[in-house]
């Protein structure tokens, strides 16, 4: 079954949301996002989301994101 087509919005209230190169706090921080940033989801796990942020593909803790199916977005 194909992964749902989602977009994300960073919904945290701190200054930075770290993007890691794997789905755990043990992985290296490779970038960070600012609040309100949006973009495309690659895949969704139980606790982590693999996303594309600019030219970086990395993992963000799921509870800090608002996930919206793309077909629900009105442009």
N, C-alpha and C. Protein backbone atom coordinates (compact mmCIF):
# COMPACT_ATOMS: atom_id res chain seq x y z
N UNK A 1 0.85 -1.19 0.00
CA UNK A 1 0.00 0.00 0.00
C UNK A 1 0.89 1.24 0.00
N UNK A 2 0.55 2.22 -0.81
CA UNK A 2 1.34 3.44 -0.94
C UNK A 2 1.18 4.33 0.30
N UNK A 3 2.23 5.05 0.60
CA UNK A 3 2.23 6.00 1.72
C UNK A 3 1.30 7.17 1.36
N UNK A 4 0.47 7.64 2.29
CA UNK A 4 -0.39 8.80 2.02
C UNK A 4 0.44 10.01 1.62
N UNK A 5 -0.11 10.86 0.80
CA UNK A 5 0.57 12.05 0.33
C UNK A 5 0.26 13.20 1.27
N UNK A 6 1.22 13.52 2.15
CA UNK A 6 1.02 14.53 3.19
C UNK A 6 1.97 15.70 3.01
N UNK A 7 1.57 16.81 3.56
CA UNK A 7 2.46 17.93 3.77
C UNK A 7 2.59 18.10 5.28
N UNK A 8 3.55 18.85 5.73
CA UNK A 8 3.70 19.08 7.16
C UNK A 8 3.83 20.57 7.44
N UNK A 9 3.52 20.94 8.67
CA UNK A 9 3.82 22.26 9.20
C UNK A 9 4.50 22.03 10.54
N UNK A 10 5.64 22.67 10.74
CA UNK A 10 6.32 22.58 12.03
C UNK A 10 5.49 23.35 13.04
N UNK A 11 4.98 22.66 14.06
CA UNK A 11 4.04 23.29 14.98
C UNK A 11 4.63 23.48 16.37
N UNK A 12 5.93 23.41 16.49
CA UNK A 12 6.57 23.59 17.79
C UNK A 12 6.63 25.09 18.12
N UNK A 13 6.87 25.40 19.37
CA UNK A 13 6.91 26.80 19.77
C UNK A 13 8.31 27.27 20.13
N UNK A 14 9.27 26.38 20.07
CA UNK A 14 10.66 26.76 20.37
C UNK A 14 11.29 27.36 19.12
N UNK A 15 12.49 27.85 19.24
CA UNK A 15 13.16 28.49 18.12
C UNK A 15 13.60 27.53 17.03
N UNK A 16 13.89 26.28 17.38
CA UNK A 16 14.39 25.32 16.40
C UNK A 16 13.80 23.94 16.63
N UNK A 17 13.58 23.24 15.54
CA UNK A 17 13.18 21.85 15.59
C UNK A 17 14.24 21.07 14.82
N UNK A 18 14.95 20.20 15.52
CA UNK A 18 16.08 19.51 14.91
C UNK A 18 15.64 18.43 13.94
N UNK A 19 16.37 18.36 12.84
CA UNK A 19 16.22 17.30 11.84
C UNK A 19 17.41 16.37 12.00
N UNK A 20 17.13 15.07 12.11
CA UNK A 20 18.19 14.08 12.35
C UNK A 20 18.34 13.16 11.16
N UNK A 21 19.50 12.50 11.08
CA UNK A 21 19.73 11.60 9.94
C UNK A 21 19.22 10.19 10.20
N UNK A 22 18.46 9.98 11.26
CA UNK A 22 17.82 8.71 11.57
C UNK A 22 16.70 8.92 12.57
N UNK A 23 15.83 7.92 12.73
CA UNK A 23 14.64 8.07 13.58
C UNK A 23 14.87 7.78 15.06
N UNK A 24 15.76 8.56 15.68
CA UNK A 24 16.05 8.40 17.10
C UNK A 24 16.86 9.60 17.57
N UNK A 25 16.79 9.89 18.86
CA UNK A 25 17.61 10.97 19.43
C UNK A 25 19.09 10.64 19.38
N UNK A 26 19.42 9.38 19.14
CA UNK A 26 20.82 8.95 19.06
C UNK A 26 21.49 9.36 17.74
N UNK A 27 20.69 9.73 16.74
CA UNK A 27 21.24 10.10 15.44
C UNK A 27 21.70 11.55 15.42
N UNK A 28 22.61 11.84 14.52
CA UNK A 28 23.20 13.17 14.37
C UNK A 28 22.16 14.18 13.89
N UNK A 29 22.25 15.41 14.41
CA UNK A 29 21.43 16.53 13.95
C UNK A 29 22.06 17.03 12.65
N UNK A 30 21.26 17.07 11.58
CA UNK A 30 21.79 17.49 10.28
C UNK A 30 21.27 18.85 9.83
N UNK A 31 20.21 19.33 10.47
CA UNK A 31 19.65 20.64 10.13
C UNK A 31 18.62 20.99 11.20
N UNK A 32 17.93 22.11 11.02
CA UNK A 32 16.84 22.47 11.92
C UNK A 32 15.79 23.26 11.15
N UNK A 33 14.57 23.28 11.71
CA UNK A 33 13.45 24.00 11.13
C UNK A 33 12.99 25.08 12.08
N UNK A 34 12.42 26.11 11.53
CA UNK A 34 11.81 27.17 12.33
C UNK A 34 10.30 26.93 12.44
N UNK A 35 9.64 27.46 13.49
CA UNK A 35 8.19 27.30 13.62
C UNK A 35 7.45 27.80 12.38
N UNK A 36 6.40 27.08 11.99
CA UNK A 36 5.58 27.48 10.86
C UNK A 36 6.09 27.02 9.50
N UNK A 37 7.27 26.39 9.47
CA UNK A 37 7.83 25.89 8.22
C UNK A 37 6.96 24.77 7.67
N UNK A 38 6.80 24.71 6.35
CA UNK A 38 6.02 23.65 5.73
C UNK A 38 6.84 22.94 4.67
N UNK A 39 6.37 21.74 4.29
CA UNK A 39 7.05 20.98 3.26
C UNK A 39 6.42 19.63 3.05
N UNK A 40 7.14 18.72 2.40
CA UNK A 40 6.60 17.43 2.00
C UNK A 40 7.07 16.29 2.89
N UNK A 41 6.15 15.38 3.18
CA UNK A 41 6.43 14.18 3.95
C UNK A 41 6.86 13.07 2.99
N UNK A 42 7.92 12.35 3.33
CA UNK A 42 8.36 11.20 2.56
C UNK A 42 7.72 9.94 3.11
N UNK A 43 7.78 9.76 4.43
CA UNK A 43 7.12 8.62 5.07
C UNK A 43 6.82 8.95 6.52
N UNK A 44 5.84 8.21 7.07
CA UNK A 44 5.39 8.45 8.44
C UNK A 44 5.57 7.17 9.24
N UNK A 45 6.29 7.27 10.36
CA UNK A 45 6.45 6.14 11.27
C UNK A 45 5.59 6.35 12.51
N UNK A 46 5.75 5.47 13.49
CA UNK A 46 4.98 5.59 14.73
C UNK A 46 5.34 6.86 15.50
N UNK A 47 6.64 7.19 15.58
CA UNK A 47 7.08 8.34 16.36
C UNK A 47 7.83 9.38 15.54
N UNK A 48 8.35 9.00 14.38
CA UNK A 48 9.19 9.88 13.57
C UNK A 48 8.63 10.00 12.17
N UNK A 49 8.88 11.18 11.56
CA UNK A 49 8.46 11.44 10.19
C UNK A 49 9.72 11.74 9.37
N UNK A 50 9.85 11.07 8.24
CA UNK A 50 10.91 11.38 7.28
C UNK A 50 10.35 12.44 6.35
N UNK A 51 11.05 13.58 6.26
CA UNK A 51 10.54 14.68 5.47
C UNK A 51 11.63 15.32 4.63
N UNK A 52 11.18 16.10 3.67
CA UNK A 52 12.09 16.88 2.83
C UNK A 52 11.99 18.31 3.31
N UNK A 53 13.14 18.88 3.65
CA UNK A 53 13.20 20.27 4.11
C UNK A 53 14.30 20.95 3.30
N UNK A 54 13.90 21.73 2.31
CA UNK A 54 14.88 22.32 1.41
C UNK A 54 15.60 21.21 0.65
N UNK A 55 16.91 21.15 0.78
CA UNK A 55 17.67 20.10 0.12
C UNK A 55 18.06 18.97 1.08
N UNK A 56 17.42 18.94 2.26
CA UNK A 56 17.73 17.94 3.29
C UNK A 56 16.56 16.96 3.43
N UNK A 57 16.87 15.67 3.46
CA UNK A 57 15.91 14.64 3.84
C UNK A 57 16.31 14.17 5.23
N UNK A 58 15.39 14.25 6.19
CA UNK A 58 15.73 13.85 7.55
C UNK A 58 14.50 13.56 8.38
N UNK A 59 14.75 13.18 9.62
CA UNK A 59 13.70 12.73 10.53
C UNK A 59 13.41 13.79 11.60
N UNK A 60 12.11 13.97 11.86
CA UNK A 60 11.64 14.90 12.90
C UNK A 60 10.64 14.14 13.77
N UNK A 61 10.67 14.41 15.07
CA UNK A 61 9.73 13.77 15.99
C UNK A 61 8.31 14.17 15.61
N UNK A 62 7.46 13.18 15.42
CA UNK A 62 6.11 13.36 14.86
C UNK A 62 5.24 14.33 15.66
N UNK A 63 5.34 14.32 16.98
CA UNK A 63 4.45 15.15 17.80
C UNK A 63 4.69 16.65 17.62
N UNK A 64 5.81 17.03 17.00
CA UNK A 64 6.09 18.44 16.76
C UNK A 64 5.60 18.92 15.40
N UNK A 65 4.93 18.04 14.64
CA UNK A 65 4.46 18.40 13.31
C UNK A 65 2.93 18.33 13.25
N UNK A 66 2.35 19.16 12.42
CA UNK A 66 0.95 19.03 12.06
C UNK A 66 0.93 18.44 10.66
N UNK A 67 0.34 17.24 10.51
CA UNK A 67 0.31 16.55 9.22
C UNK A 67 -1.05 16.76 8.57
N UNK A 68 -1.05 17.16 7.32
CA UNK A 68 -2.28 17.43 6.59
C UNK A 68 -2.22 16.72 5.24
N UNK A 69 -3.22 15.88 4.92
CA UNK A 69 -3.25 15.29 3.57
C UNK A 69 -3.29 16.39 2.52
N UNK A 70 -2.51 16.25 1.47
CA UNK A 70 -2.41 17.31 0.45
C UNK A 70 -3.75 17.61 -0.21
N UNK A 71 -4.62 16.62 -0.35
CA UNK A 71 -5.91 16.89 -1.01
C UNK A 71 -6.81 17.79 -0.17
N UNK A 72 -6.48 17.98 1.12
CA UNK A 72 -7.27 18.87 1.99
C UNK A 72 -6.78 20.31 1.95
N UNK A 73 -5.65 20.53 1.30
CA UNK A 73 -5.07 21.88 1.26
C UNK A 73 -5.71 22.67 0.13
N UNK A 74 -6.24 23.83 0.47
CA UNK A 74 -6.86 24.70 -0.51
C UNK A 74 -5.82 25.73 -0.89
N UNK A 75 -5.53 25.81 -2.17
CA UNK A 75 -4.51 26.78 -2.63
C UNK A 75 -5.17 27.88 -3.40
